[in-house]
Each structure stands twice: as structure tokens, then as C-alpha cells.
Amino acid sequence: MNAAPPPEASAAPRRGRGRPPAPPSDWEPFGTYLPEPLARSFRAACSLRGIQLREGTRQAVEEWVRNQAALQAPETLSDPAPQPELPPT
């Protein structure tokens, strides 16, 4: 009679109750440190909105990147791209 292996011996890791599902395969780990009050506020905001921390982090980073691009846009406007020469009329 073969007994089932104990749970810790199974090949696939078990997800605990309340743990989020695994992230999409095209996501990579990203870790950082934040001041404790900011981290606590971020966790609370994500919880109130019913989103996972990784989704809140994705949204925050995307917004930050967009804002940085917008801040740099005026600099690129001061150096316009060369205009094509028009034939003489």
C-alpha cells in the first residue's frame, strides 16, 4: 500500500490561504526599502482598493515613469528635430 507523500515533499509549492496567486510569467522580482510610514500607507491604500501590493507597485512605477517623461519633454522641445528642406519656389 503506497502512502501519499507528506505535503512538504510535494514538487509544487503550496500557496497558503490568503496568499495572492503567482504573478504573470513576464513579471520579475522587484524589491526596495521605504520609510515605514510610507510603506504602511501604501499597504493600506492597496488594501482599501482591493488590489495586491504588486499591482499597486506596478501602477505607482508606471505613473512615476510617465511623470519623468513629461518632465523631460520640455527639454526635447528646446532642441527641435531638423526640418526637411523645401524645394525653392
N, C-alpha and C. Protein backbone atom coordinates (compact mmCIF):
# COMPACT_ATOMS: atom_id res chain seq x y z
N MET A 1 0.85 -1.17 0.00
CA MET A 1 0.00 0.00 0.00
C MET A 1 0.90 1.24 0.00
N ASN A 2 0.73 2.11 -1.00
CA ASN A 2 1.54 3.33 -1.10
C ASN A 2 0.84 4.47 -0.38
N ALA A 3 1.55 5.09 0.52
CA ALA A 3 1.00 6.24 1.23
C ALA A 3 1.38 7.50 0.47
N ALA A 4 0.53 8.49 0.51
CA ALA A 4 0.83 9.77 -0.15
C ALA A 4 1.98 10.44 0.57
N PRO A 5 2.87 11.13 -0.18
CA PRO A 5 3.98 11.81 0.49
C PRO A 5 3.45 12.97 1.34
N PRO A 6 4.18 13.31 2.36
CA PRO A 6 3.75 14.44 3.18
C PRO A 6 3.71 15.71 2.33
N PRO A 7 2.89 16.70 2.71
CA PRO A 7 2.75 17.92 1.91
C PRO A 7 4.07 18.61 1.61
N GLU A 8 5.00 18.62 2.55
CA GLU A 8 6.27 19.32 2.32
C GLU A 8 7.15 18.62 1.29
N ALA A 9 6.82 17.38 0.94
CA ALA A 9 7.61 16.63 -0.03
C ALA A 9 7.07 16.76 -1.45
N SER A 10 5.92 17.42 -1.62
CA SER A 10 5.36 17.54 -2.97
C SER A 10 6.21 18.50 -3.80
N ALA A 11 6.18 18.31 -5.12
CA ALA A 11 7.03 19.09 -6.02
C ALA A 11 6.56 20.54 -6.14
N ALA A 12 5.25 20.76 -6.19
CA ALA A 12 4.74 22.12 -6.36
C ALA A 12 4.58 22.78 -5.00
N PRO A 13 5.03 24.03 -4.88
CA PRO A 13 4.85 24.72 -3.60
C PRO A 13 3.38 24.99 -3.35
N ARG A 14 2.98 24.82 -2.14
CA ARG A 14 1.59 25.08 -1.77
C ARG A 14 1.43 26.54 -1.44
N ARG A 15 0.37 27.15 -1.90
CA ARG A 15 0.07 28.54 -1.59
C ARG A 15 -0.84 28.53 -0.36
N GLY A 16 -0.49 29.32 0.63
CA GLY A 16 -1.31 29.39 1.82
C GLY A 16 -2.61 30.13 1.56
N ARG A 17 -3.57 29.93 2.42
CA ARG A 17 -4.83 30.63 2.30
C ARG A 17 -4.57 32.12 2.45
N GLY A 18 -5.16 32.92 1.58
CA GLY A 18 -4.98 34.36 1.65
C GLY A 18 -3.77 34.88 0.89
N ARG A 19 -2.93 33.98 0.39
CA ARG A 19 -1.76 34.42 -0.38
C ARG A 19 -2.19 34.70 -1.81
N PRO A 20 -1.64 35.73 -2.44
CA PRO A 20 -2.02 36.04 -3.80
C PRO A 20 -1.53 34.97 -4.76
N PRO A 21 -2.18 34.85 -5.91
CA PRO A 21 -1.71 33.89 -6.90
C PRO A 21 -0.34 34.32 -7.42
N ALA A 22 0.33 33.40 -8.05
CA ALA A 22 1.65 33.69 -8.62
C ALA A 22 1.52 34.80 -9.66
N PRO A 23 2.55 35.65 -9.79
CA PRO A 23 2.48 36.74 -10.76
C PRO A 23 2.57 36.21 -12.19
N PRO A 24 2.18 37.03 -13.17
CA PRO A 24 2.34 36.62 -14.56
C PRO A 24 3.80 36.28 -14.85
N SER A 25 4.02 35.42 -15.82
CA SER A 25 5.37 34.94 -16.10
C SER A 25 6.31 36.02 -16.62
N ASP A 26 5.77 37.13 -17.15
CA ASP A 26 6.64 38.17 -17.67
C ASP A 26 6.99 39.23 -16.62
N TRP A 27 6.65 39.00 -15.37
CA TRP A 27 6.99 39.91 -14.28
C TRP A 27 8.29 39.43 -13.66
N GLU A 28 9.10 40.36 -13.15
CA GLU A 28 10.32 39.97 -12.45
C GLU A 28 10.30 40.53 -11.04
N PRO A 29 10.99 39.89 -10.12
CA PRO A 29 11.02 40.38 -8.74
C PRO A 29 11.59 41.79 -8.66
N PHE A 30 11.03 42.59 -7.77
CA PHE A 30 11.47 43.96 -7.58
C PHE A 30 11.30 44.28 -6.11
N GLY A 31 12.39 44.53 -5.44
CA GLY A 31 12.32 44.81 -4.01
C GLY A 31 13.03 46.12 -3.70
N THR A 32 12.57 46.77 -2.67
CA THR A 32 13.17 48.03 -2.26
C THR A 32 12.85 48.29 -0.79
N TYR A 33 13.37 49.36 -0.28
CA TYR A 33 13.08 49.78 1.09
C TYR A 33 12.37 51.12 1.05
N LEU A 34 11.37 51.27 1.90
CA LEU A 34 10.64 52.52 2.03
C LEU A 34 10.59 52.90 3.50
N PRO A 35 10.45 54.19 3.79
CA PRO A 35 10.22 54.57 5.18
C PRO A 35 8.96 53.86 5.69
N GLU A 36 9.00 53.41 6.91
CA GLU A 36 7.91 52.61 7.48
C GLU A 36 6.55 53.28 7.34
N PRO A 37 6.39 54.59 7.62
CA PRO A 37 5.06 55.20 7.48
C PRO A 37 4.55 55.16 6.03
N LEU A 38 5.44 55.36 5.07
CA LEU A 38 5.04 55.31 3.67
C LEU A 38 4.64 53.89 3.26
N ALA A 39 5.41 52.92 3.68
CA ALA A 39 5.08 51.53 3.38
C ALA A 39 3.73 51.14 3.99
N ARG A 40 3.49 51.57 5.21
CA ARG A 40 2.21 51.27 5.88
C ARG A 40 1.05 51.93 5.14
N SER A 41 1.23 53.19 4.72
CA SER A 41 0.19 53.90 3.98
C SER A 41 -0.08 53.23 2.63
N PHE A 42 0.99 52.78 1.97
CA PHE A 42 0.86 52.12 0.68
C PHE A 42 0.09 50.81 0.83
N ARG A 43 0.44 50.02 1.83
CA ARG A 43 -0.27 48.75 2.07
C ARG A 43 -1.75 49.01 2.35
N ALA A 44 -2.03 50.04 3.16
CA ALA A 44 -3.42 50.36 3.49
C ALA A 44 -4.17 50.82 2.25
N ALA A 45 -3.56 51.66 1.42
CA ALA A 45 -4.23 52.14 0.21
C ALA A 45 -4.53 50.99 -0.74
N CYS A 46 -3.59 50.07 -0.90
CA CYS A 46 -3.82 48.90 -1.75
C CYS A 46 -4.96 48.06 -1.19
N SER A 47 -4.96 47.85 0.10
CA SER A 47 -6.00 47.04 0.74
C SER A 47 -7.37 47.69 0.56
N LEU A 48 -7.46 49.00 0.77
CA LEU A 48 -8.74 49.70 0.62
C LEU A 48 -9.27 49.61 -0.80
N ARG A 49 -8.38 49.56 -1.77
CA ARG A 49 -8.78 49.48 -3.18
C ARG A 49 -8.95 48.03 -3.64
N GLY A 50 -8.62 47.10 -2.77
CA GLY A 50 -8.79 45.69 -3.10
C GLY A 50 -7.80 45.19 -4.14
N ILE A 51 -6.60 45.79 -4.17
CA ILE A 51 -5.59 45.34 -5.12
C ILE A 51 -4.38 44.78 -4.38
N GLN A 52 -3.64 43.92 -5.05
CA GLN A 52 -2.44 43.35 -4.45
C GLN A 52 -1.34 44.40 -4.43
N LEU A 53 -0.39 44.23 -3.52
CA LEU A 53 0.73 45.16 -3.43
C LEU A 53 1.49 45.25 -4.75
N ARG A 54 1.68 44.12 -5.42
CA ARG A 54 2.44 44.17 -6.67
C ARG A 54 1.70 44.98 -7.73
N GLU A 55 0.35 44.95 -7.73
CA GLU A 55 -0.41 45.76 -8.69
C GLU A 55 -0.31 47.23 -8.33
N GLY A 56 -0.38 47.56 -7.05
CA GLY A 56 -0.20 48.94 -6.63
C GLY A 56 1.20 49.45 -6.97
N THR A 57 2.19 48.59 -6.79
CA THR A 57 3.57 48.96 -7.14
C THR A 57 3.68 49.19 -8.64
N ARG A 58 3.08 48.31 -9.44
CA ARG A 58 3.12 48.47 -10.90
C ARG A 58 2.50 49.80 -11.30
N GLN A 59 1.33 50.13 -10.73
CA GLN A 59 0.67 51.38 -11.05
C GLN A 59 1.51 52.59 -10.64
N ALA A 60 2.11 52.54 -9.46
CA ALA A 60 2.92 53.65 -8.97
C ALA A 60 4.16 53.85 -9.84
N VAL A 61 4.82 52.76 -10.21
CA VAL A 61 6.03 52.87 -11.02
C VAL A 61 5.67 53.37 -12.42
N GLU A 62 4.58 52.87 -13.00
CA GLU A 62 4.17 53.36 -14.32
C GLU A 62 3.89 54.85 -14.30
N GLU A 63 3.19 55.31 -13.26
CA GLU A 63 2.89 56.74 -13.16
C GLU A 63 4.17 57.55 -12.99
N TRP A 64 5.09 57.06 -12.18
CA TRP A 64 6.36 57.76 -11.97
C TRP A 64 7.12 57.88 -13.29
N VAL A 65 7.17 56.79 -14.04
CA VAL A 65 7.88 56.81 -15.33
C VAL A 65 7.22 57.81 -16.28
N ARG A 66 5.88 57.82 -16.35
CA ARG A 66 5.18 58.79 -17.21
C ARG A 66 5.49 60.21 -16.78
N ASN A 67 5.48 60.47 -15.47
CA ASN A 67 5.77 61.82 -14.96
C ASN A 67 7.19 62.24 -15.32
N GLN A 68 8.14 61.31 -15.23
CA GLN A 68 9.53 61.65 -15.58
C GLN A 68 9.63 61.97 -17.06
N ALA A 69 8.92 61.23 -17.90
CA ALA A 69 8.94 61.51 -19.34
C ALA A 69 8.33 62.87 -19.62
N ALA A 70 7.25 63.23 -18.90
CA ALA A 70 6.61 64.53 -19.10
C ALA A 70 7.53 65.66 -18.64
N LEU A 71 8.27 65.43 -17.57
CA LEU A 71 9.20 66.46 -17.10
C LEU A 71 10.33 66.69 -18.09
N GLN A 72 10.73 65.65 -18.80
CA GLN A 72 11.82 65.76 -19.75
C GLN A 72 11.35 66.28 -21.10
N ALA A 73 10.06 66.22 -21.39
CA ALA A 73 9.54 66.64 -22.69
C ALA A 73 9.88 68.08 -23.02
N PRO A 74 9.77 69.07 -22.11
CA PRO A 74 10.11 70.44 -22.48
C PRO A 74 11.57 70.58 -22.93
N GLU A 75 12.47 69.81 -22.36
CA GLU A 75 13.87 69.87 -22.77
C GLU A 75 14.02 69.45 -24.23
N THR A 76 13.29 68.44 -24.63
CA THR A 76 13.41 67.97 -26.01
C THR A 76 12.77 68.96 -26.97
N LEU A 77 11.80 69.75 -26.50
CA LEU A 77 11.19 70.75 -27.37
C LEU A 77 12.14 71.90 -27.65
N SER A 78 13.07 72.18 -26.75
CA SER A 78 14.00 73.28 -26.98
C SER A 78 15.04 72.91 -28.03
N ASP A 79 15.15 71.66 -28.37
CA ASP A 79 16.09 71.20 -29.41
C ASP A 79 15.27 70.46 -30.46
N PRO A 80 14.54 71.22 -31.32
CA PRO A 80 13.63 70.55 -32.25
C PRO A 80 14.37 69.69 -33.25
N ALA A 81 13.66 68.73 -33.75
CA ALA A 81 14.23 67.86 -34.78
C ALA A 81 14.45 68.66 -36.05
N PRO A 82 15.48 68.34 -36.82
CA PRO A 82 15.71 69.08 -38.07
C PRO A 82 14.53 68.93 -39.02
N GLN A 83 14.18 70.02 -39.66
CA GLN A 83 13.07 70.02 -40.62
C GLN A 83 13.62 69.74 -42.01
N PRO A 84 12.86 69.02 -42.81
CA PRO A 84 13.34 68.76 -44.17
C PRO A 84 13.38 70.05 -44.97
N GLU A 85 14.34 70.15 -45.85
CA GLU A 85 14.43 71.34 -46.71
C GLU A 85 13.35 71.28 -47.76
N LEU A 86 12.73 72.44 -48.02
CA LEU A 86 11.71 72.52 -49.03
C LEU A 86 12.36 72.94 -50.34
N PRO A 87 11.86 72.48 -51.45
CA PRO A 87 12.44 72.92 -52.73
C PRO A 87 12.15 74.41 -52.94
N PRO A 88 13.03 75.13 -53.63
CA PRO A 88 12.79 76.57 -53.87
C PRO A 88 11.55 76.76 -54.74
N THR A 89 10.85 77.86 -54.48
CA THR A 89 9.64 78.13 -55.26
C THR A 89 9.85 79.22 -56.29
